[in-house]
Amino acid sequence: MPDITRRRALTTAAAVAATGAVITLAAPAAPAAPAAGHHGAPSPESFDEVYKGRRIQGAPAAGGGHHHEHGGGYAVFIDGMQLHLMQNADGTWISVVSHYDPVATPRAAARAAVDELQGAPLLPFPAN
């Protein structure tokens, strides 16, 4: 049996470690559950209600574009003015009014915005 040098042992160990890392990275991951409203998952239910004296409405959005993608295909209005929403990767929702307070549904985002506005009107959001 030939003598094994330290260099050959270290090279072999590095090759085995690299192979293990490649196999781990290439292994198929369990599919994640899609967030609501994304990639064919059901969109949140429509709503139309008066919350703290403000009319809030939400429904699946028609059409495409930049805001359609961030809102997960869902549109929300407060007193007829659109509240721009974004759905996070974990399925939570945020709005331009309550950006740092993610909530579970677009309805909850609309209610949080009404709370934050404290009676002030929702102003148009400038499109970029």
Protein backbone atom coordinates (compact mmCIF):
# COMPACT_ATOMS: atom_id res chain seq x y z
CA MET A 1 0.00 0.00 0.00
CA PRO A 2 1.48 3.37 -0.98
CA ASP A 3 2.26 5.92 1.69
CA ILE A 4 -0.33 8.67 2.01
CA THR A 5 1.14 12.13 2.28
CA ARG A 6 -0.43 14.93 4.25
CA ARG A 7 -1.01 16.88 1.00
CA ARG A 8 -2.89 13.94 -0.58
CA ALA A 9 -5.00 13.44 2.59
CA LEU A 10 -5.94 17.16 2.71
CA THR A 11 -6.76 17.18 -1.02
CA THR A 12 -8.98 14.13 -0.62
CA ALA A 13 -10.73 15.63 2.43
CA ALA A 14 -11.36 18.89 0.55
CA ALA A 15 -12.76 17.01 -2.44
CA VAL A 16 -15.11 14.99 -0.23
CA ALA A 17 -16.31 18.16 1.55
CA ALA A 18 -16.88 19.98 -1.75
CA THR A 19 -18.81 17.02 -3.16
CA GLY A 20 -21.02 16.94 -0.07
CA ALA A 21 -21.71 20.67 -0.39
CA VAL A 22 -22.65 20.33 -4.07
CA ILE A 23 -24.97 17.42 -3.34
CA THR A 24 -26.62 19.38 -0.52
CA LEU A 25 -27.14 22.45 -2.72
CA ALA A 26 -28.42 20.40 -5.65
CA ALA A 27 -30.91 18.39 -3.59
CA PRO A 28 -34.50 19.36 -4.36
CA ALA A 29 -36.08 21.42 -1.62
CA ALA A 30 -39.59 20.84 -0.42
CA PRO A 31 -41.91 23.16 -2.31
CA ALA A 32 -42.99 26.16 -0.28
CA ALA A 33 -46.64 27.02 -0.04
CA PRO A 34 -47.37 29.95 -2.32
CA ALA A 35 -48.35 33.24 -0.71
CA ALA A 36 -51.96 34.21 -1.15
CA GLY A 37 -52.53 35.99 -4.42
CA HIS A 38 -49.25 34.93 -6.00
CA HIS A 39 -48.63 32.29 -8.66
CA GLY A 40 -52.18 31.04 -8.99
CA ALA A 41 -52.97 30.84 -5.28
CA PRO A 42 -56.44 32.08 -4.36
CA SER A 43 -56.73 35.82 -3.96
CA PRO A 44 -58.08 37.24 -0.69
CA GLU A 45 -61.84 37.73 -0.52
CA SER A 46 -63.43 40.97 -1.69
CA PHE A 47 -64.75 43.36 0.95
CA ASP A 48 -66.76 46.59 1.10
CA GLU A 49 -67.39 48.07 4.53
CA VAL A 50 -67.40 51.22 6.60
CA TYR A 51 -64.60 51.22 9.16
CA LYS A 52 -64.41 54.13 11.64
CA GLY A 53 -66.53 56.24 9.31
CA ARG A 54 -64.37 55.53 6.23
CA ARG A 55 -65.46 53.35 3.32
CA ILE A 56 -62.87 50.68 2.61
CA GLN A 57 -63.11 48.37 -0.38
CA GLY A 58 -60.92 45.59 -1.71
CA ALA A 59 -61.13 43.19 -4.62
CA PRO A 60 -58.95 41.34 -7.09
CA ALA A 61 -57.37 43.89 -9.45
CA ALA A 62 -57.99 43.88 -13.18
CA GLY A 63 -55.11 44.54 -15.56
CA GLY A 64 -51.37 44.35 -15.05
CA GLY A 65 -48.47 46.66 -14.58
CA HIS A 66 -46.02 47.56 -11.84
CA HIS A 67 -48.53 48.01 -9.03
CA HIS A 68 -50.42 44.86 -10.00
CA GLU A 69 -47.28 42.83 -9.35
CA HIS A 70 -46.57 44.30 -5.89
CA GLY A 71 -50.20 44.18 -4.77
CA GLY A 72 -50.51 40.51 -5.61
CA GLY A 73 -53.31 41.28 -8.06
CA TYR A 74 -55.41 42.96 -5.40
CA ALA A 75 -56.66 46.57 -5.14
CA VAL A 76 -57.78 48.42 -2.00
CA PHE A 77 -59.54 51.79 -1.80
CA ILE A 78 -60.22 54.15 1.10
CA ASP A 79 -63.07 56.58 0.34
CA GLY A 80 -62.52 55.87 -3.38
CA MET A 81 -58.76 56.65 -3.31
CA GLN A 82 -56.45 53.72 -4.04
CA LEU A 83 -54.29 52.54 -1.17
CA HIS A 84 -51.12 51.09 -2.67
CA LEU A 85 -50.36 47.67 -1.22
CA MET A 86 -47.53 45.22 -1.47
CA GLN A 87 -47.56 41.57 -0.57
CA ASN A 88 -44.44 40.31 1.16
CA ALA A 89 -42.81 36.97 0.41
CA ASP A 90 -44.24 35.51 3.61
CA GLY A 91 -47.80 36.35 2.50
CA THR A 92 -48.24 39.38 4.76
CA TRP A 93 -49.36 42.75 3.39
CA ILE A 94 -48.06 46.30 3.85
CA SER A 95 -49.24 49.65 2.53
CA VAL A 96 -47.66 53.02 1.87
CA VAL A 97 -49.37 54.29 5.02
CA SER A 98 -48.38 51.48 7.38
CA HIS A 99 -45.22 50.25 5.68
CA TYR A 100 -43.50 48.90 8.79
CA ASP A 101 -46.47 47.03 10.21
CA PRO A 102 -47.20 43.90 8.12
CA VAL A 103 -50.68 42.43 8.47
CA ALA A 104 -52.33 39.19 7.38
CA THR A 105 -54.87 40.47 4.82
CA PRO A 106 -55.57 43.44 2.54
CA ARG A 107 -58.62 44.22 4.72
CA ALA A 108 -56.35 44.45 7.78
CA ALA A 109 -53.99 46.71 5.79
CA ALA A 110 -56.90 49.01 4.90
CA ARG A 111 -58.02 49.15 8.53
CA ALA A 112 -54.45 49.84 9.70
CA ALA A 113 -54.21 52.68 7.17
CA VAL A 114 -57.48 54.20 8.41
CA ASP A 115 -56.16 53.98 11.98
CA GLU A 116 -52.89 55.64 10.96
CA LEU A 117 -54.58 58.40 8.94
CA GLN A 118 -56.60 59.46 12.01
CA GLY A 119 -59.27 61.10 9.85
CA ALA A 120 -56.88 62.70 7.33
CA PRO A 121 -57.67 62.04 3.66
CA LEU A 122 -55.64 59.50 1.73
CA LEU A 123 -53.69 61.47 -0.85
CA PRO A 124 -52.81 60.19 -4.34
CA PHE A 125 -49.57 58.25 -4.46
CA PRO A 126 -47.31 59.52 -7.27
CA ALA A 127 -46.46 56.83 -9.82
CA ASN A 128 -42.80 56.49 -10.70
